[in-house]
Every structure is written in structure tokens, then in C-alpha cells.
Amino acid sequence: MNRMVMSGITIVLLGLLGFAIPIFTTQKTDEVARIGDLKLQTTESTAHTVSPFLSGGAVLLGLLVIGAGTRKWA
């Protein structure tokens, strides 16, 4: 398989992953205060959503890249 086909497969898999897991969260830990050896930290969670249109577009783009990679050019 050539690089275009492998890239297309990767894009399709990422699009399918966006359909399977449309919401994911990230956590950020910040240091609020520090007095000697004592540290005061806070953790903030943020939810991120992946649009179904973005996932569908990634699948479509991946299929187009796979098709272009398998086509024999003159």
C-alpha cells in the first residue's frame, strides 16, 4: 500500500472515532499557591464535542484520498 492509501485509512478511522466518541474531556491542573513545601492546586475539567458533520467530512475525505491513492495515473 502506498502513502495516500495509508493516510486515507487513518483519516477514515479518525472520522469513525469521532462518531463513536463524540464527547471527550480534558483536565488541566494549575498551582494556585505555594508556601514552603505546601502546594495548593486546582483541577479544571473541560468537555469538548466533535460535530457529526466534522466526523462525516473526515470519513468522506478519507475515502476520496483512498480512491485517489488506488487510481493508476497515466
PDB file of N, CA and C in Angstrom:
ATOM      1  N   MET A   1       0.840  -1.178   0.000  1.00  0.00           N
ATOM      2  CA  MET A   1       0.000   0.000   0.000  1.00  0.00           C
ATOM      3  C   MET A   1       0.887   1.243   0.000  1.00  0.00           C
ATOM      4  N   ASN A   2       0.422   2.247  -0.726  1.00  0.00           N
ATOM      5  CA  ASN A   2       1.211   3.473  -0.775  1.00  0.00           C
ATOM      6  C   ASN A   2       0.782   4.440   0.334  1.00  0.00           C
ATOM      7  N   ARG A   3       1.465   5.565   0.400  1.00  0.00           N
ATOM      8  CA  ARG A   3       1.229   6.524   1.484  1.00  0.00           C
ATOM      9  C   ARG A   3      -0.157   7.151   1.423  1.00  0.00           C
ATOM     10  N   MET A   4      -0.681   7.387   0.226  1.00  0.00           N
ATOM     11  CA  MET A   4      -2.009   8.001   0.123  1.00  0.00           C
ATOM     12  C   MET A   4      -3.083   7.080   0.688  1.00  0.00           C
ATOM     13  N   VAL A   5      -2.986   5.806   0.403  1.00  0.00           N
ATOM     14  CA  VAL A   5      -3.970   4.846   0.907  1.00  0.00           C
ATOM     15  C   VAL A   5      -3.873   4.765   2.429  1.00  0.00           C
ATOM     16  N   MET A   6      -2.665   4.711   2.963  1.00  0.00           N
ATOM     17  CA  MET A   6      -2.488   4.655   4.416  1.00  0.00           C
ATOM     18  C   MET A   6      -3.003   5.933   5.079  1.00  0.00           C
ATOM     19  N   SER A   7      -2.755   7.086   4.464  1.00  0.00           N
ATOM     20  CA  SER A   7      -3.271   8.342   5.000  1.00  0.00           C
ATOM     21  C   SER A   7      -4.791   8.363   4.968  1.00  0.00           C
ATOM     22  N   GLY A   8      -5.371   7.886   3.887  1.00  0.00           N
ATOM     23  CA  GLY A   8      -6.822   7.823   3.771  1.00  0.00           C
ATOM     24  C   GLY A   8      -7.445   6.923   4.814  1.00  0.00           C
ATOM     25  N   ILE A   9      -6.818   5.775   5.071  1.00  0.00           N
ATOM     26  CA  ILE A   9      -7.315   4.859   6.095  1.00  0.00           C
ATOM     27  C   ILE A   9      -7.252   5.518   7.470  1.00  0.00           C
ATOM     28  N   THR A  10      -6.182   6.245   7.734  1.00  0.00           N
ATOM     29  CA  THR A  10      -6.037   6.937   9.009  1.00  0.00           C
ATOM     30  C   THR A  10      -7.126   7.992   9.183  1.00  0.00           C
ATOM     31  N   ILE A  11      -7.407   8.758   8.134  1.00  0.00           N
ATOM     32  CA  ILE A  11      -8.435   9.799   8.203  1.00  0.00           C
ATOM     33  C   ILE A  11      -9.812   9.175   8.409  1.00  0.00           C
ATOM     34  N   VAL A  12     -10.092   8.072   7.722  1.00  0.00           N
ATOM     35  CA  VAL A  12     -11.379   7.388   7.894  1.00  0.00           C
ATOM     36  C   VAL A  12     -11.516   6.885   9.333  1.00  0.00           C
ATOM     37  N   LEU A  13     -10.455   6.292   9.870  1.00  0.00           N
ATOM     38  CA  LEU A  13     -10.518   5.788  11.244  1.00  0.00           C
ATOM     39  C   LEU A  13     -10.727   6.916  12.255  1.00  0.00           C
ATOM     40  N   LEU A  14     -10.093   8.066  12.033  1.00  0.00           N
ATOM     41  CA  LEU A  14     -10.315   9.205  12.922  1.00  0.00           C
ATOM     42  C   LEU A  14     -11.756   9.709  12.826  1.00  0.00           C
ATOM     43  N   GLY A  15     -12.324   9.711  11.626  1.00  0.00           N
ATOM     44  CA  GLY A  15     -13.720  10.106  11.457  1.00  0.00           C
ATOM     45  C   GLY A  15     -14.664   9.145  12.160  1.00  0.00           C
ATOM     46  N   LEU A  16     -14.400   7.846  12.049  1.00  0.00           N
ATOM     47  CA  LEU A  16     -15.224   6.859  12.736  1.00  0.00           C
ATOM     48  C   LEU A  16     -15.074   6.967  14.252  1.00  0.00           C
ATOM     49  N   LEU A  17     -13.891   7.302  14.712  1.00  0.00           N
ATOM     50  CA  LEU A  17     -13.674   7.513  16.142  1.00  0.00           C
ATOM     51  C   LEU A  17     -14.480   8.718  16.630  1.00  0.00           C
ATOM     52  N   GLY A  18     -14.586   9.748  15.784  1.00  0.00           N
ATOM     53  CA  GLY A  18     -15.408  10.910  16.132  1.00  0.00           C
ATOM     54  C   GLY A  18     -16.876  10.559  16.250  1.00  0.00           C
ATOM     55  N   PHE A  19     -17.356   9.607  15.427  1.00  0.00           N
ATOM     56  CA  PHE A  19     -18.737   9.134  15.558  1.00  0.00           C
ATOM     57  C   PHE A  19     -18.911   8.298  16.826  1.00  0.00           C
ATOM     58  N   ALA A  20     -17.918   7.471  17.139  1.00  0.00           N
ATOM     59  CA  ALA A  20     -18.028   6.559  18.276  1.00  0.00           C
ATOM     60  C   ALA A  20     -17.912   7.289  19.617  1.00  0.00           C
ATOM     61  N   ILE A  21     -17.030   8.282  19.684  1.00  0.00           N
ATOM     62  CA  ILE A  21     -16.810   9.029  20.926  1.00  0.00           C
ATOM     63  C   ILE A  21     -16.970  10.518  20.616  1.00  0.00           C
ATOM     64  N   PRO A  22     -18.209  11.033  20.589  1.00  0.00           N
ATOM     65  CA  PRO A  22     -18.407  12.423  20.196  1.00  0.00           C
ATOM     66  C   PRO A  22     -18.061  13.448  21.277  1.00  0.00           C
ATOM     67  N   ILE A  23     -17.948  13.009  22.531  1.00  0.00           N
ATOM     68  CA  ILE A  23     -17.626  13.937  23.619  1.00  0.00           C
ATOM     69  C   ILE A  23     -16.445  13.374  24.400  1.00  0.00           C
ATOM     70  N   PHE A  24     -15.441  14.218  24.639  1.00  0.00           N
ATOM     71  CA  PHE A  24     -14.320  13.815  25.474  1.00  0.00           C
ATOM     72  C   PHE A  24     -13.942  14.972  26.381  1.00  0.00           C
ATOM     73  N   THR A  25     -13.319  14.667  27.507  1.00  0.00           N
ATOM     74  CA  THR A  25     -12.948  15.695  28.473  1.00  0.00           C
ATOM     75  C   THR A  25     -11.434  15.728  28.647  1.00  0.00           C
ATOM     76  N   THR A  26     -10.947  16.917  28.946  1.00  0.00           N
ATOM     77  CA  THR A  26      -9.540  17.096  29.283  1.00  0.00           C
ATOM     78  C   THR A  26      -9.474  17.745  30.660  1.00  0.00           C
ATOM     79  N   GLN A  27      -8.382  17.519  31.352  1.00  0.00           N
ATOM     80  CA  GLN A  27      -8.189  18.104  32.672  1.00  0.00           C
ATOM     81  C   GLN A  27      -6.918  18.929  32.693  1.00  0.00           C
ATOM     82  N   LYS A  28      -7.006  20.066  33.378  1.00  0.00           N
ATOM     83  CA  LYS A  28      -5.862  20.961  33.498  1.00  0.00           C
ATOM     84  C   LYS A  28      -5.654  21.247  34.982  1.00  0.00           C
ATOM     85  N   THR A  29      -4.455  21.020  35.472  1.00  0.00           N
ATOM     86  CA  THR A  29      -4.129  21.268  36.874  1.00  0.00           C
ATOM     87  C   THR A  29      -3.255  22.511  36.963  1.00  0.00           C
ATOM     88  N   ASP A  30      -3.692  23.460  37.774  1.00  0.00           N
ATOM     89  CA  ASP A  30      -2.945  24.700  37.989  1.00  0.00           C
ATOM     90  C   ASP A  30      -2.526  24.801  39.455  1.00  0.00           C
ATOM     91  N   GLU A  31      -1.362  25.371  39.673  1.00  0.00           N
ATOM     92  CA  GLU A  31      -0.889  25.618  41.026  1.00  0.00           C
ATOM     93  C   GLU A  31      -1.396  26.987  41.459  1.00  0.00           C
ATOM     94  N   VAL A  32      -2.211  27.012  42.506  1.00  0.00           N
ATOM     95  CA  VAL A  32      -2.820  28.257  42.970  1.00  0.00           C
ATOM     96  C   VAL A  32      -1.882  29.001  43.908  1.00  0.00           C
ATOM     97  N   ALA A  33      -1.316  28.288  44.871  1.00  0.00           N
ATOM     98  CA  ALA A  33      -0.433  28.940  45.839  1.00  0.00           C
ATOM     99  C   ALA A  33       0.631  27.945  46.289  1.00  0.00           C
ATOM    100  N   ARG A  34       1.754  28.523  46.741  1.00  0.00           N
ATOM    101  CA  ARG A  34       2.838  27.691  47.259  1.00  0.00           C
ATOM    102  C   ARG A  34       3.467  28.413  48.441  1.00  0.00           C
ATOM    103  N   ILE A  35       3.445  27.733  49.586  1.00  0.00           N
ATOM    104  CA  ILE A  35       4.065  28.276  50.795  1.00  0.00           C
ATOM    105  C   ILE A  35       5.012  27.208  51.324  1.00  0.00           C
ATOM    106  N   GLY A  36       6.275  27.388  51.094  1.00  0.00           N
ATOM    107  CA  GLY A  36       7.258  26.392  51.511  1.00  0.00           C
ATOM    108  C   GLY A  36       7.062  25.100  50.732  1.00  0.00           C
ATOM    109  N   ASP A  37       6.864  24.012  51.482  1.00  0.00           N
ATOM    110  CA  ASP A  37       6.628  22.718  50.843  1.00  0.00           C
ATOM    111  C   ASP A  37       5.155  22.480  50.545  1.00  0.00           C
ATOM    112  N   LEU A  38       4.282  23.352  51.008  1.00  0.00           N
ATOM    113  CA  LEU A  38       2.839  23.192  50.823  1.00  0.00           C
ATOM    114  C   LEU A  38       2.416  23.785  49.477  1.00  0.00           C
ATOM    115  N   LYS A  39       1.737  22.954  48.674  1.00  0.00           N
ATOM    116  CA  LYS A  39       1.239  23.417  47.376  1.00  0.00           C
ATOM    117  C   LYS A  39      -0.278  23.317  47.371  1.00  0.00           C
ATOM    118  N   LEU A  40      -0.932  24.333  46.836  1.00  0.00           N
ATOM    119  CA  LEU A  40      -2.381  24.329  46.677  1.00  0.00           C
ATOM    120  C   LEU A  40      -2.669  24.300  45.180  1.00  0.00           C
ATOM    121  N   GLN A  41      -3.354  23.216  44.735  1.00  0.00           N
ATOM    122  CA  GLN A  41      -3.624  23.037  43.314  1.00  0.00           C
ATOM    123  C   GLN A  41      -5.116  22.946  43.065  1.00  0.00           C
ATOM    124  N   THR A  42      -5.492  23.310  41.846  1.00  0.00           N
ATOM    125  CA  THR A  42      -6.878  23.158  41.414  1.00  0.00           C
ATOM    126  C   THR A  42      -6.889  22.431  40.069  1.00  0.00           C
ATOM    127  N   THR A  43      -7.905  21.594  39.872  1.00  0.00           N
ATOM    128  CA  THR A  43      -8.045  20.848  38.626  1.00  0.00           C
ATOM    129  C   THR A  43      -9.333  21.281  37.938  1.00  0.00           C
ATOM    130  N   GLU A  44      -9.213  21.653  36.660  1.00  0.00           N
ATOM    131  CA  GLU A  44     -10.359  22.111  35.881  1.00  0.00           C
ATOM    132  C   GLU A  44     -10.614  21.118  34.752  1.00  0.00           C
ATOM    133  N   SER A  45     -11.833  20.604  34.684  1.00  0.00           N
ATOM    134  CA  SER A  45     -12.223  19.692  33.616  1.00  0.00           C
ATOM    135  C   SER A  45     -12.992  20.460  32.547  1.00  0.00           C
ATOM    136  N   THR A  46     -12.661  20.187  31.283  1.00  0.00           N
ATOM    137  CA  THR A  46     -13.330  20.844  30.170  1.00  0.00           C
ATOM    138  C   THR A  46     -13.834  19.769  29.203  1.00  0.00           C
ATOM    139  N   ALA A  47     -15.108  19.876  28.828  1.00  0.00           N
ATOM    140  CA  ALA A  47     -15.696  18.923  27.880  1.00  0.00           C
ATOM    141  C   ALA A  47     -15.592  19.488  26.466  1.00  0.00           C
ATOM    142  N   HIS A  48     -15.216  18.633  25.526  1.00  0.00           N
ATOM    143  CA  HIS A  48     -15.106  19.005  24.116  1.00  0.00           C
ATOM    144  C   HIS A  48     -16.028  18.093  23.312  1.00  0.00           C
ATOM    145  N   THR A  49     -16.713  18.661  22.323  1.00  0.00           N
ATOM    146  CA  THR A  49     -17.594  17.853  21.479  1.00  0.00           C
ATOM    147  C   THR A  49     -17.073  17.862  20.041  1.00  0.00           C
ATOM    148  N   VAL A  50     -17.247  16.736  19.374  1.00  0.00           N
ATOM    149  CA  VAL A  50     -16.875  16.592  17.966  1.00  0.00           C
ATOM    150  C   VAL A  50     -18.176  16.582  17.159  1.00  0.00           C
ATOM    151  N   SER A  51     -18.303  17.509  16.241  1.00  0.00           N
ATOM    152  CA  SER A  51     -19.502  17.621  15.423  1.00  0.00           C
ATOM    153  C   SER A  51     -19.659  16.404  14.506  1.00  0.00           C
ATOM    154  N   PRO A  52     -20.897  15.908  14.340  1.00  0.00           N
ATOM    155  CA  PRO A  52     -21.101  14.804  13.403  1.00  0.00           C
ATOM    156  C   PRO A  52     -20.748  15.196  11.965  1.00  0.00           C
ATOM    157  N   PHE A  53     -20.912  16.472  11.630  1.00  0.00           N
ATOM    158  CA  PHE A  53     -20.535  16.935  10.283  1.00  0.00           C
ATOM    159  C   PHE A  53     -19.023  16.837  10.088  1.00  0.00           C
ATOM    160  N   LEU A  54     -18.264  17.145  11.121  1.00  0.00           N
ATOM    161  CA  LEU A  54     -16.809  17.030  11.038  1.00  0.00           C
ATOM    162  C   LEU A  54     -16.393  15.568  10.884  1.00  0.00           C
ATOM    163  N   SER A  55     -17.029  14.680  11.648  1.00  0.00           N
ATOM    164  CA  SER A  55     -16.721  13.255  11.546  1.00  0.00           C
ATOM    165  C   SER A  55     -17.087  12.714  10.170  1.00  0.00           C
ATOM    166  N   GLY A  56     -18.264  13.086   9.676  1.00  0.00           N
ATOM    167  CA  GLY A  56     -18.686  12.638   8.343  1.00  0.00           C
ATOM    168  C   GLY A  56     -17.793  13.183   7.254  1.00  0.00           C
ATOM    169  N   GLY A  57     -17.370  14.440   7.397  1.00  0.00           N
ATOM    170  CA  GLY A  57     -16.453  15.017   6.423  1.00  0.00           C
ATOM    171  C   GLY A  57     -15.104  14.319   6.414  1.00  0.00           C
ATOM    172  N   ALA A  58     -14.637  13.915   7.592  1.00  0.00           N
ATOM    173  CA  ALA A  58     -13.367  13.195   7.670  1.00  0.00           C
ATOM    174  C   ALA A  58     -13.478  11.825   6.997  1.00  0.00           C
ATOM    175  N   VAL A  59     -14.604  11.140   7.212  1.00  0.00           N
ATOM    176  CA  VAL A  59     -14.798   9.838   6.566  1.00  0.00           C
ATOM    177  C   VAL A  59     -14.840  10.000   5.054  1.00  0.00           C
ATOM    178  N   LEU A  60     -15.578  10.993   4.569  1.00  0.00           N
ATOM    179  CA  LEU A  60     -15.688  11.237   3.135  1.00  0.00           C
ATOM    180  C   LEU A  60     -14.328  11.612   2.539  1.00  0.00           C
ATOM    181  N   LEU A  61     -13.616  12.497   3.212  1.00  0.00           N
ATOM    182  CA  LEU A  61     -12.289  12.891   2.724  1.00  0.00           C
ATOM    183  C   LEU A  61     -11.339  11.701   2.690  1.00  0.00           C
ATOM    184  N   GLY A  62     -11.381  10.875   3.729  1.00  0.00           N
ATOM    185  CA  GLY A  62     -10.532   9.687   3.751  1.00  0.00           C
ATOM    186  C   GLY A  62     -10.833   8.739   2.614  1.00  0.00           C
ATOM    187  N   LEU A  63     -12.126   8.548   2.313  1.00  0.00           N
ATOM    188  CA  LEU A  63     -12.495   7.672   1.198  1.00  0.00           C
ATOM    189  C   LEU A  63     -12.025   8.248  -0.136  1.00  0.00           C
ATOM    190  N   LEU A  64     -12.098   9.567  -0.280  1.00  0.00           N
ATOM    191  CA  LEU A  64     -11.598  10.201  -1.508  1.00  0.00           C
ATOM    192  C   LEU A  64     -10.086  10.036  -1.642  1.00  0.00           C
ATOM    193  N   VAL A  65      -9.370  10.168  -0.536  1.00  0.00           N
ATOM    194  CA  VAL A  65      -7.912  10.002  -0.576  1.00  0.00           C
ATOM    195  C   VAL A  65      -7.555   8.553  -0.897  1.00  0.00           C
ATOM    196  N   ILE A  66      -8.303   7.598  -0.332  1.00  0.00           N
ATOM    197  CA  ILE A  66      -8.069   6.186  -0.664  1.00  0.00           C
ATOM    198  C   ILE A  66      -8.323   5.934  -2.140  1.00  0.00           C
ATOM    199  N   GLY A  67      -9.405   6.497  -2.665  1.00  0.00           N
ATOM    200  CA  GLY A  67      -9.719   6.332  -4.101  1.00  0.00           C
ATOM    201  C   GLY A  67      -8.649   6.936  -4.986  1.00  0.00           C
ATOM    202  N   ALA A  68      -8.136   8.116  -4.600  1.00  0.00           N
ATOM    203  CA  ALA A  68      -7.081   8.745  -5.397  1.00  0.00           C
ATOM    204  C   ALA A  68      -5.777   7.959  -5.290  1.00  0.00           C
ATOM    205  N   GLY A  69      -5.536   7.333  -4.148  1.00  0.00           N
ATOM    206  CA  GLY A  69      -4.298   6.566  -3.968  1.00  0.00           C
ATOM    207  C   GLY A  69      -4.308   5.243  -4.704  1.00  0.00           C
ATOM    208  N   THR A  70      -5.486   4.679  -4.942  1.00  0.00           N
ATOM    209  CA  THR A  70      -5.549   3.396  -5.646  1.00  0.00           C
ATOM    210  C   THR A  70      -5.681   3.555  -7.154  1.00  0.00           C
ATOM    211  N   ARG A  71      -5.953   4.774  -7.612  1.00  0.00           N
ATOM    212  CA  ARG A  71      -6.122   5.005  -9.051  1.00  0.00           C
ATOM    213  C   ARG A  71      -4.765   5.024  -9.736  1.00  0.00           C
ATOM    214  N   LYS A  72      -4.683   4.410 -10.882  1.00  0.00           N
ATOM    215  CA  LYS A  72      -3.451   4.415 -11.680  1.00  0.00           C
ATOM    216  C   LYS A  72      -3.444   5.656 -12.564  1.00  0.00           C
ATOM    217  N   TRP A  73      -2.442   6.466 -12.428  1.00  0.00           N
ATOM    218  CA  TRP A  73      -2.318   7.681 -13.225  1.00  0.00           C
ATOM    219  C   TRP A  73      -1.526   7.363 -14.491  1.00  0.00           C
ATOM    220  N   ALA A  74      -1.921   8.003 -15.592  1.00  0.00           N
ATOM    221  CA  ALA A  74      -1.275   7.737 -16.886  1.00  0.00           C
ATOM    222  C   ALA A  74       0.118   8.281 -16.986  1.00  0.00           C
TER     223      ALA A  74
END
